[in-house]
């Protein structure tokens, strides 16, 4: 889910193939975007609150009107990933979106036109998560096998790569698992 810049609305995604805009004061859905053909896995909203973005198991990055008379109407759908798109992030201070996918790639998109900007390759398993640095210069991506990669937004070059697995390890004083 994602907050709208006004702080009064929240955008959510669902397995019911929809993205919704919620009015937080009223605690109710005020808009539904129904055009995905499968589960919706990630959402974002443009800073001005006029456009929403959503990604899902239908391999599409969809742009839709998040406000006004055309609210809930699709503006465009962009393909490029060959498997489910699992997450979506906005690059601050730039008209860019970042997606990650079960196709083992991370993609950058022009948020205004929907055009693909660049594909970041190198993961060897599904890429489940992406994050963008607060200054908008770096992207971090993480895959299900523990690979973590950090990339430059400007040119897509790899900055760092390491394995975050095995994650949590019990300390010697922890009781044994049954």
N, C-alpha and C. Protein backbone atom coordinates (compact mmCIF):
# COMPACT_ATOMS: atom_id res chain seq x y z
N UNK A 1 0.83 -1.18 0.00
CA UNK A 1 0.00 0.00 0.00
C UNK A 1 0.87 1.24 0.00
N UNK A 2 0.25 2.36 -0.29
CA UNK A 2 0.99 3.62 -0.38
C UNK A 2 0.09 4.77 0.06
N UNK A 3 0.67 5.72 0.77
CA UNK A 3 -0.04 6.94 1.13
C UNK A 3 -0.02 7.90 -0.04
N UNK A 4 -1.10 8.60 -0.24
CA UNK A 4 -1.11 9.73 -1.17
C UNK A 4 -0.38 10.87 -0.48
N UNK A 5 0.14 11.80 -1.27
CA UNK A 5 0.91 12.91 -0.71
C UNK A 5 0.09 13.77 0.25
N UNK A 6 -1.23 13.80 0.07
CA UNK A 6 -2.07 14.61 0.96
C UNK A 6 -2.21 14.01 2.35
N UNK A 7 -1.77 12.76 2.54
CA UNK A 7 -1.86 12.11 3.83
C UNK A 7 -3.27 11.73 4.23
N UNK A 8 -4.24 12.02 3.39
CA UNK A 8 -5.65 11.75 3.69
C UNK A 8 -6.17 10.52 2.97
N UNK A 9 -5.40 10.01 2.03
CA UNK A 9 -5.82 8.87 1.24
C UNK A 9 -4.74 7.79 1.24
N UNK A 10 -5.19 6.56 1.15
CA UNK A 10 -4.31 5.41 1.11
C UNK A 10 -4.70 4.57 -0.11
N UNK A 11 -3.70 4.08 -0.84
CA UNK A 11 -3.95 3.22 -2.00
C UNK A 11 -3.54 1.80 -1.60
N UNK A 12 -4.42 0.84 -1.88
CA UNK A 12 -4.14 -0.55 -1.52
C UNK A 12 -4.23 -1.45 -2.75
N UNK A 13 -3.65 -2.63 -2.61
CA UNK A 13 -3.72 -3.64 -3.67
C UNK A 13 -4.31 -4.92 -3.07
N UNK A 14 -4.81 -5.79 -3.96
CA UNK A 14 -5.51 -6.96 -3.46
C UNK A 14 -5.45 -8.13 -4.42
N UNK A 15 -5.65 -9.33 -3.86
CA UNK A 15 -5.76 -10.53 -4.70
C UNK A 15 -7.04 -10.53 -5.49
N UNK A 16 -7.98 -9.64 -5.17
CA UNK A 16 -9.26 -9.60 -5.91
C UNK A 16 -9.13 -8.86 -7.24
N UNK A 17 -7.89 -8.60 -7.69
CA UNK A 17 -7.59 -7.97 -8.98
C UNK A 17 -7.87 -6.48 -9.01
N UNK A 18 -7.94 -5.83 -7.85
CA UNK A 18 -8.22 -4.40 -7.80
C UNK A 18 -7.16 -3.64 -7.00
N UNK A 19 -7.10 -2.36 -7.30
CA UNK A 19 -6.41 -1.38 -6.46
C UNK A 19 -7.50 -0.42 -6.00
N UNK A 20 -7.40 0.06 -4.79
CA UNK A 20 -8.43 0.96 -4.25
C UNK A 20 -7.79 2.18 -3.61
N UNK A 21 -8.53 3.28 -3.66
CA UNK A 21 -8.16 4.50 -2.94
C UNK A 21 -9.13 4.62 -1.77
N UNK A 22 -8.57 4.81 -0.58
CA UNK A 22 -9.37 4.90 0.65
C UNK A 22 -9.28 6.29 1.24
N UNK A 23 -10.39 6.81 1.68
CA UNK A 23 -10.44 8.06 2.44
C UNK A 23 -10.22 7.67 3.89
N UNK A 24 -9.11 8.10 4.47
CA UNK A 24 -8.78 7.68 5.83
C UNK A 24 -9.72 8.24 6.88
N UNK A 25 -10.22 9.47 6.68
CA UNK A 25 -11.14 10.06 7.65
C UNK A 25 -12.47 9.31 7.65
N UNK A 26 -12.97 9.01 6.47
CA UNK A 26 -14.27 8.31 6.36
C UNK A 26 -14.14 6.80 6.54
N UNK A 27 -12.90 6.28 6.44
CA UNK A 27 -12.63 4.84 6.55
C UNK A 27 -13.40 4.05 5.50
N UNK A 28 -13.42 4.60 4.27
CA UNK A 28 -14.13 3.90 3.21
C UNK A 28 -13.41 4.07 1.88
N UNK A 29 -13.64 3.12 1.00
CA UNK A 29 -13.08 3.16 -0.34
C UNK A 29 -13.82 4.20 -1.16
N UNK A 30 -13.07 5.08 -1.82
CA UNK A 30 -13.68 6.13 -2.63
C UNK A 30 -13.45 5.91 -4.11
N UNK A 31 -12.61 4.93 -4.46
CA UNK A 31 -12.32 4.68 -5.87
C UNK A 31 -11.76 3.27 -6.01
N UNK A 32 -12.17 2.59 -7.07
CA UNK A 32 -11.64 1.25 -7.37
C UNK A 32 -11.10 1.23 -8.78
N UNK A 33 -9.90 0.67 -8.93
CA UNK A 33 -9.32 0.44 -10.25
C UNK A 33 -9.40 -1.07 -10.50
N UNK A 34 -10.26 -1.51 -11.44
CA UNK A 34 -10.54 -2.94 -11.62
C UNK A 34 -9.88 -3.62 -12.82
N UNK A 35 -8.91 -3.00 -13.49
CA UNK A 35 -8.48 -3.50 -14.79
C UNK A 35 -7.40 -4.58 -14.79
N UNK A 36 -6.86 -4.96 -13.65
CA UNK A 36 -5.89 -6.06 -13.64
C UNK A 36 -6.59 -7.37 -13.93
N UNK A 37 -5.87 -8.31 -14.51
CA UNK A 37 -6.42 -9.61 -14.86
C UNK A 37 -6.04 -10.69 -13.85
N UNK A 38 -5.30 -10.30 -12.81
CA UNK A 38 -4.85 -11.24 -11.77
C UNK A 38 -4.56 -10.41 -10.52
N UNK A 39 -4.05 -11.06 -9.50
CA UNK A 39 -3.76 -10.38 -8.23
C UNK A 39 -2.90 -9.14 -8.44
N UNK A 40 -3.18 -8.11 -7.64
CA UNK A 40 -2.40 -6.88 -7.66
C UNK A 40 -1.44 -6.94 -6.48
N UNK A 41 -0.13 -6.77 -6.76
CA UNK A 41 0.90 -6.97 -5.74
C UNK A 41 1.53 -5.68 -5.21
N UNK A 42 1.38 -4.59 -5.93
CA UNK A 42 2.02 -3.36 -5.49
C UNK A 42 1.31 -2.14 -6.06
N UNK A 43 1.36 -1.04 -5.32
CA UNK A 43 0.74 0.21 -5.75
C UNK A 43 1.64 1.39 -5.38
N UNK A 44 1.42 2.48 -6.08
CA UNK A 44 2.08 3.75 -5.78
C UNK A 44 1.15 4.84 -6.29
N UNK A 45 1.40 6.05 -5.84
CA UNK A 45 0.60 7.18 -6.31
C UNK A 45 1.53 8.34 -6.61
N UNK A 46 1.24 9.05 -7.70
CA UNK A 46 2.03 10.21 -8.09
C UNK A 46 1.92 11.28 -7.01
N UNK A 47 2.95 12.07 -6.85
CA UNK A 47 3.00 13.08 -5.79
C UNK A 47 1.82 14.03 -5.82
N UNK A 48 1.31 14.36 -7.01
CA UNK A 48 0.17 15.28 -7.08
C UNK A 48 -1.17 14.58 -6.82
N UNK A 49 -1.14 13.27 -6.64
CA UNK A 49 -2.35 12.52 -6.32
C UNK A 49 -3.27 12.23 -7.49
N UNK A 50 -2.90 12.65 -8.68
CA UNK A 50 -3.80 12.48 -9.84
C UNK A 50 -3.70 11.11 -10.49
N UNK A 51 -2.53 10.47 -10.42
CA UNK A 51 -2.36 9.16 -11.05
C UNK A 51 -1.97 8.11 -10.03
N UNK A 52 -2.49 6.91 -10.23
CA UNK A 52 -2.11 5.75 -9.44
C UNK A 52 -1.38 4.78 -10.34
N UNK A 53 -0.53 3.96 -9.74
CA UNK A 53 0.22 2.94 -10.47
C UNK A 53 0.01 1.62 -9.74
N UNK A 54 -0.12 0.54 -10.49
CA UNK A 54 -0.27 -0.77 -9.86
C UNK A 54 0.38 -1.83 -10.72
N UNK A 55 0.85 -2.90 -10.05
CA UNK A 55 1.51 -4.02 -10.71
C UNK A 55 0.95 -5.31 -10.15
N UNK A 56 1.07 -6.38 -10.95
CA UNK A 56 0.54 -7.63 -10.44
C UNK A 56 0.96 -8.85 -11.21
N UNK A 57 0.23 -9.92 -10.93
CA UNK A 57 0.50 -11.22 -11.52
C UNK A 57 0.19 -11.27 -13.02
N UNK A 58 -0.42 -10.22 -13.57
CA UNK A 58 -0.68 -10.18 -15.02
C UNK A 58 0.50 -9.57 -15.79
N UNK A 59 1.64 -9.36 -15.11
CA UNK A 59 2.89 -8.89 -15.73
C UNK A 59 2.82 -7.46 -16.25
N UNK A 60 1.87 -6.68 -15.79
CA UNK A 60 1.66 -5.33 -16.32
C UNK A 60 1.89 -4.26 -15.24
N UNK A 61 2.48 -3.15 -15.68
CA UNK A 61 2.51 -1.92 -14.89
C UNK A 61 1.38 -1.09 -15.44
N UNK A 62 0.39 -0.82 -14.61
CA UNK A 62 -0.78 -0.06 -15.07
C UNK A 62 -0.80 1.32 -14.42
N UNK A 63 -1.16 2.30 -15.24
CA UNK A 63 -1.31 3.69 -14.79
C UNK A 63 -2.79 4.02 -14.91
N UNK A 64 -3.35 4.65 -13.88
CA UNK A 64 -4.79 4.94 -13.87
C UNK A 64 -5.05 6.25 -13.14
N UNK A 65 -6.19 6.84 -13.46
CA UNK A 65 -6.59 8.08 -12.82
C UNK A 65 -7.00 7.79 -11.38
N UNK A 66 -6.38 8.50 -10.45
CA UNK A 66 -6.65 8.28 -9.04
C UNK A 66 -7.57 9.34 -8.46
N UNK A 67 -8.03 10.26 -9.28
CA UNK A 67 -8.90 11.34 -8.80
C UNK A 67 -9.69 11.90 -9.98
N UNK A 68 -10.68 12.70 -9.67
CA UNK A 68 -11.44 13.41 -10.70
C UNK A 68 -12.51 12.58 -11.37
N UNK A 69 -13.10 13.15 -12.41
CA UNK A 69 -14.20 12.51 -13.13
C UNK A 69 -13.80 11.19 -13.77
N UNK A 70 -12.55 11.05 -14.12
CA UNK A 70 -12.06 9.82 -14.75
C UNK A 70 -11.43 8.86 -13.74
N UNK A 71 -11.66 9.10 -12.45
CA UNK A 71 -11.10 8.25 -11.41
C UNK A 71 -11.41 6.78 -11.62
N UNK A 72 -10.38 5.94 -11.52
CA UNK A 72 -10.54 4.50 -11.70
C UNK A 72 -10.40 4.05 -13.14
N UNK A 73 -10.21 4.98 -14.07
CA UNK A 73 -10.06 4.63 -15.49
C UNK A 73 -8.57 4.47 -15.83
N UNK A 74 -8.27 3.43 -16.58
CA UNK A 74 -6.89 3.17 -16.97
C UNK A 74 -6.40 4.20 -17.97
N UNK A 75 -5.17 4.67 -17.76
CA UNK A 75 -4.50 5.59 -18.68
C UNK A 75 -3.64 4.78 -19.65
N UNK A 76 -2.91 3.79 -19.12
CA UNK A 76 -2.07 2.94 -19.96
C UNK A 76 -1.67 1.68 -19.21
N UNK A 77 -1.27 0.68 -19.98
CA UNK A 77 -0.67 -0.54 -19.43
C UNK A 77 0.65 -0.75 -20.14
N UNK A 78 1.67 -1.09 -19.39
CA UNK A 78 3.00 -1.29 -19.96
C UNK A 78 3.47 -2.70 -19.63
N UNK A 79 3.93 -3.39 -20.65
CA UNK A 79 4.48 -4.73 -20.47
C UNK A 79 5.98 -4.69 -20.63
N UNK A 80 6.60 -5.77 -20.28
CA UNK A 80 8.05 -5.88 -20.39
C UNK A 80 8.55 -7.01 -19.53
N UNK A 81 8.02 -7.10 -18.32
CA UNK A 81 8.35 -8.25 -17.49
C UNK A 81 7.67 -9.48 -18.09
N UNK A 82 8.32 -10.62 -17.97
CA UNK A 82 7.76 -11.85 -18.54
C UNK A 82 7.08 -12.73 -17.51
N UNK A 83 7.14 -12.33 -16.26
CA UNK A 83 6.45 -13.04 -15.18
C UNK A 83 5.86 -12.00 -14.24
N UNK A 84 5.21 -12.46 -13.20
CA UNK A 84 4.53 -11.57 -12.25
C UNK A 84 5.44 -10.45 -11.75
N UNK A 85 4.86 -9.25 -11.68
CA UNK A 85 5.55 -8.11 -11.08
C UNK A 85 5.16 -8.10 -9.61
N UNK A 86 6.16 -8.11 -8.74
CA UNK A 86 5.90 -8.34 -7.32
C UNK A 86 5.89 -7.08 -6.47
N UNK A 87 6.60 -6.03 -6.86
CA UNK A 87 6.61 -4.78 -6.10
C UNK A 87 6.82 -3.60 -7.03
N UNK A 88 6.55 -2.43 -6.47
CA UNK A 88 6.62 -1.17 -7.20
C UNK A 88 7.10 -0.09 -6.24
N UNK A 89 7.99 0.78 -6.71
CA UNK A 89 8.45 1.90 -5.89
C UNK A 89 8.59 3.14 -6.78
N UNK A 90 8.47 4.29 -6.16
CA UNK A 90 8.63 5.58 -6.83
C UNK A 90 10.02 6.11 -6.53
N UNK A 91 10.70 6.65 -7.54
CA UNK A 91 11.99 7.30 -7.34
C UNK A 91 11.72 8.76 -7.00
N UNK A 92 12.15 9.22 -5.82
CA UNK A 92 11.88 10.61 -5.43
C UNK A 92 12.54 11.62 -6.37
N UNK A 93 11.87 12.71 -6.60
CA UNK A 93 12.38 13.84 -7.37
C UNK A 93 12.67 13.53 -8.83
N UNK A 94 12.17 12.42 -9.33
CA UNK A 94 12.36 12.06 -10.73
C UNK A 94 11.08 11.39 -11.22
N UNK A 95 10.75 11.52 -12.49
CA UNK A 95 9.55 10.84 -12.99
C UNK A 95 9.85 9.37 -13.32
N UNK A 96 10.29 8.62 -12.30
CA UNK A 96 10.66 7.22 -12.51
C UNK A 96 9.95 6.30 -11.52
N UNK A 97 9.63 5.11 -12.02
CA UNK A 97 9.10 4.03 -11.19
C UNK A 97 10.06 2.86 -11.29
N UNK A 98 10.09 2.02 -10.26
CA UNK A 98 10.91 0.82 -10.25
C UNK A 98 10.02 -0.37 -9.96
N UNK A 99 10.18 -1.45 -10.72
CA UNK A 99 9.43 -2.67 -10.48
C UNK A 99 10.42 -3.83 -10.34
N UNK A 100 9.97 -4.88 -9.65
CA UNK A 100 10.75 -6.10 -9.58
C UNK A 100 9.83 -7.27 -9.85
N UNK A 101 10.42 -8.38 -10.31
CA UNK A 101 9.59 -9.43 -10.87
C UNK A 101 10.11 -10.84 -10.60
N UNK A 102 9.20 -11.79 -10.78
CA UNK A 102 9.55 -13.20 -10.75
C UNK A 102 10.43 -13.57 -11.94
N UNK A 103 10.56 -12.68 -12.92
CA UNK A 103 11.43 -12.96 -14.07
C UNK A 103 12.90 -12.65 -13.77
N UNK A 104 13.21 -12.36 -12.49
CA UNK A 104 14.57 -12.14 -11.99
C UNK A 104 15.17 -10.80 -12.41
N UNK A 105 14.32 -9.84 -12.78
CA UNK A 105 14.82 -8.53 -13.19
C UNK A 105 14.19 -7.41 -12.36
N UNK A 106 14.86 -6.27 -12.43
CA UNK A 106 14.36 -5.01 -11.90
C UNK A 106 14.27 -4.08 -13.11
N UNK A 107 13.18 -3.31 -13.19
CA UNK A 107 13.02 -2.40 -14.33
C UNK A 107 12.73 -0.99 -13.85
N UNK A 108 13.25 -0.04 -14.59
CA UNK A 108 12.93 1.37 -14.38
C UNK A 108 12.01 1.80 -15.51
N UNK A 109 11.03 2.63 -15.16
CA UNK A 109 10.01 3.09 -16.10
C UNK A 109 9.86 4.60 -15.99
N UNK A 110 9.57 5.25 -17.10
CA UNK A 110 9.22 6.66 -17.08
C UNK A 110 7.78 6.74 -16.56
N UNK A 111 7.58 7.40 -15.42
CA UNK A 111 6.26 7.46 -14.80
C UNK A 111 5.27 8.29 -15.61
N UNK A 112 5.77 9.21 -16.43
CA UNK A 112 4.88 10.06 -17.21
C UNK A 112 4.41 9.40 -18.51
N UNK A 113 5.30 8.65 -19.16
CA UNK A 113 4.94 8.05 -20.45
C UNK A 113 4.67 6.55 -20.37
N UNK A 114 5.13 5.91 -19.31
CA UNK A 114 5.00 4.46 -19.21
C UNK A 114 6.06 3.71 -19.97
N UNK A 115 7.00 4.41 -20.58
CA UNK A 115 8.05 3.77 -21.37
C UNK A 115 9.10 3.12 -20.47
N UNK A 116 9.58 1.96 -20.90
CA UNK A 116 10.67 1.30 -20.19
C UNK A 116 11.93 2.12 -20.36
N UNK A 117 12.67 2.31 -19.29
CA UNK A 117 13.90 3.09 -19.32
C UNK A 117 15.11 2.16 -19.32
N UNK A 118 15.08 1.14 -18.45
CA UNK A 118 16.24 0.28 -18.31
C UNK A 118 15.84 -0.99 -17.57
N UNK A 119 16.52 -2.09 -17.90
CA UNK A 119 16.34 -3.36 -17.18
C UNK A 119 17.63 -3.67 -16.45
N UNK A 120 17.51 -4.01 -15.17
CA UNK A 120 18.66 -4.37 -14.36
C UNK A 120 18.67 -5.88 -14.19
N UNK A 121 19.70 -6.52 -14.73
CA UNK A 121 19.83 -7.97 -14.69
C UNK A 121 20.92 -8.39 -13.71
N UNK A 122 20.84 -9.61 -13.26
CA UNK A 122 21.89 -10.14 -12.40
C UNK A 122 21.38 -11.01 -11.27
N UNK A 123 20.11 -10.89 -10.94
CA UNK A 123 19.55 -11.78 -9.92
C UNK A 123 19.38 -13.17 -10.51
N UNK A 124 19.43 -14.18 -9.64
CA UNK A 124 19.29 -15.56 -10.09
C UNK A 124 18.05 -16.23 -9.51
N UNK A 125 17.15 -15.43 -8.96
CA UNK A 125 15.90 -15.94 -8.42
C UNK A 125 14.87 -14.80 -8.47
N UNK A 126 13.63 -15.10 -8.11
CA UNK A 126 12.57 -14.10 -8.11
C UNK A 126 13.01 -12.89 -7.29
N UNK A 127 12.80 -11.70 -7.82
CA UNK A 127 13.12 -10.47 -7.09
C UNK A 127 11.83 -10.02 -6.40
N UNK A 128 11.82 -10.12 -5.08
CA UNK A 128 10.61 -9.88 -4.30
C UNK A 128 10.46 -8.46 -3.78
N UNK A 129 11.54 -7.71 -3.73
CA UNK A 129 11.41 -6.39 -3.13
C UNK A 129 12.39 -5.39 -3.73
N UNK A 130 11.97 -4.13 -3.75
CA UNK A 130 12.83 -3.03 -4.17
C UNK A 130 12.64 -1.87 -3.20
N UNK A 131 13.70 -1.09 -3.05
CA UNK A 131 13.65 0.13 -2.25
C UNK A 131 14.49 1.17 -2.96
N UNK A 132 14.13 2.44 -2.78
CA UNK A 132 14.85 3.54 -3.40
C UNK A 132 15.40 4.41 -2.28
N UNK A 133 16.66 4.83 -2.42
CA UNK A 133 17.28 5.69 -1.41
C UNK A 133 16.52 7.02 -1.34
N UNK A 134 16.53 7.67 -0.18
CA UNK A 134 15.80 8.93 -0.02
C UNK A 134 16.20 10.01 -1.03
N UNK A 135 17.45 10.00 -1.47
CA UNK A 135 17.88 11.00 -2.46
C UNK A 135 17.57 10.59 -3.90
N UNK A 136 17.04 9.38 -4.10
CA UNK A 136 16.66 8.91 -5.42
C UNK A 136 17.82 8.47 -6.29
N UNK A 137 18.99 8.29 -5.72
CA UNK A 137 20.16 7.92 -6.52
C UNK A 137 20.44 6.43 -6.59
N UNK A 138 19.90 5.66 -5.63
CA UNK A 138 20.19 4.23 -5.57
C UNK A 138 18.91 3.41 -5.46
N UNK A 139 18.98 2.20 -6.02
CA UNK A 139 17.91 1.21 -5.88
C UNK A 139 18.52 -0.01 -5.21
N UNK A 140 17.82 -0.57 -4.25
CA UNK A 140 18.22 -1.85 -3.68
C UNK A 140 17.15 -2.87 -4.06
N UNK A 141 17.60 -4.07 -4.40
CA UNK A 141 16.67 -5.14 -4.75
C UNK A 141 17.07 -6.40 -4.01
N UNK A 142 16.05 -7.19 -3.65
CA UNK A 142 16.32 -8.42 -2.92
C UNK A 142 15.54 -9.58 -3.51
N UNK A 143 16.20 -10.71 -3.65
CA UNK A 143 15.54 -11.88 -4.23
C UNK A 143 15.34 -12.97 -3.19
N UNK A 144 14.53 -13.96 -3.55
CA UNK A 144 14.14 -14.99 -2.60
C UNK A 144 15.28 -15.88 -2.15
N UNK A 145 16.38 -15.93 -2.88
CA UNK A 145 17.53 -16.73 -2.46
C UNK A 145 18.51 -15.93 -1.60
N UNK A 146 18.13 -14.72 -1.20
CA UNK A 146 18.94 -13.91 -0.31
C UNK A 146 19.84 -12.90 -0.99
N UNK A 147 19.89 -12.90 -2.32
CA UNK A 147 20.72 -11.92 -3.02
C UNK A 147 20.19 -10.51 -2.79
N UNK A 148 21.09 -9.62 -2.46
CA UNK A 148 20.76 -8.20 -2.34
C UNK A 148 21.70 -7.46 -3.28
N UNK A 149 21.13 -6.61 -4.11
CA UNK A 149 21.92 -5.84 -5.06
C UNK A 149 21.56 -4.36 -4.92
N UNK A 150 22.56 -3.52 -5.08
CA UNK A 150 22.37 -2.06 -5.04
C UNK A 150 22.84 -1.52 -6.39
N UNK A 151 22.02 -0.67 -6.99
CA UNK A 151 22.25 -0.16 -8.34
C UNK A 151 22.18 1.36 -8.35
N UNK A 152 22.89 1.99 -9.28
CA UNK A 152 22.78 3.43 -9.52
C UNK A 152 21.57 3.66 -10.41
N UNK A 153 20.71 4.60 -10.04
CA UNK A 153 19.55 4.94 -10.87
C UNK A 153 20.01 5.56 -12.18
N UNK A 154 21.02 6.41 -12.14
CA UNK A 154 21.45 7.18 -13.31
C UNK A 154 21.82 6.30 -14.51
N UNK A 155 22.54 5.20 -14.26
CA UNK A 155 23.00 4.38 -15.39
C UNK A 155 22.74 2.89 -15.22
N UNK A 156 22.17 2.48 -14.10
CA UNK A 156 21.86 1.07 -13.88
C UNK A 156 23.05 0.23 -13.48
N UNK A 157 24.19 0.85 -13.23
CA UNK A 157 25.37 0.07 -12.87
C UNK A 157 25.24 -0.48 -11.46
N UNK A 158 25.83 -1.66 -11.27
CA UNK A 158 25.81 -2.32 -9.95
C UNK A 158 26.82 -1.62 -9.04
N UNK A 159 26.38 -1.35 -7.81
CA UNK A 159 27.24 -0.71 -6.83
C UNK A 159 27.73 -1.73 -5.81
N UNK A 160 26.81 -2.59 -5.35
CA UNK A 160 27.13 -3.61 -4.35
C UNK A 160 26.27 -4.83 -4.60
N UNK A 161 26.78 -5.97 -4.17
CA UNK A 161 25.99 -7.21 -4.19
C UNK A 161 26.47 -8.06 -3.03
N UNK A 162 25.53 -8.64 -2.31
CA UNK A 162 25.88 -9.53 -1.21
C UNK A 162 24.70 -10.43 -0.92
N UNK A 163 24.95 -11.44 -0.09
CA UNK A 163 23.89 -12.37 0.24
C UNK A 163 23.42 -12.09 1.66
N UNK A 164 22.13 -11.82 1.81
CA UNK A 164 21.54 -11.54 3.11
C UNK A 164 21.13 -12.79 3.86
N UNK A 165 21.26 -13.95 3.25
CA UNK A 165 20.90 -15.22 3.90
C UNK A 165 22.03 -15.64 4.80
N UNK A 166 21.83 -16.43 5.78
CA UNK A 166 20.58 -17.13 6.05
C UNK A 166 19.63 -16.36 6.93
N UNK A 167 19.84 -15.08 7.13
CA UNK A 167 18.92 -14.31 7.94
C UNK A 167 19.12 -14.59 9.42
N UNK A 168 18.01 -14.76 10.14
CA UNK A 168 18.05 -14.97 11.58
C UNK A 168 18.77 -16.26 11.92
N UNK A 169 19.70 -16.17 12.87
CA UNK A 169 20.34 -17.37 13.41
C UNK A 169 20.18 -17.32 14.91
N UNK A 170 19.78 -18.43 15.49
CA UNK A 170 19.59 -18.49 16.93
C UNK A 170 20.92 -18.34 17.66
N UNK A 171 20.90 -17.59 18.74
CA UNK A 171 22.09 -17.47 19.59
C UNK A 171 22.23 -18.75 20.40
N UNK A 172 23.43 -19.01 20.89
CA UNK A 172 23.70 -20.22 21.66
C UNK A 172 22.80 -20.33 22.89
N UNK A 173 22.36 -19.19 23.42
CA UNK A 173 21.52 -19.21 24.62
C UNK A 173 20.03 -19.41 24.32
N UNK A 174 19.64 -19.34 23.03
CA UNK A 174 18.24 -19.53 22.68
C UNK A 174 17.84 -20.99 22.90
N UNK A 175 16.62 -21.21 23.38
CA UNK A 175 16.19 -22.61 23.57
C UNK A 175 16.11 -23.32 22.21
N UNK A 176 16.37 -24.62 22.21
CA UNK A 176 16.29 -25.36 20.94
C UNK A 176 14.86 -25.40 20.40
N UNK A 177 14.75 -25.42 19.06
CA UNK A 177 13.44 -25.53 18.43
C UNK A 177 12.98 -26.97 18.49
N UNK A 178 11.69 -27.15 18.70
CA UNK A 178 11.12 -28.51 18.77
C UNK A 178 10.66 -28.97 17.44
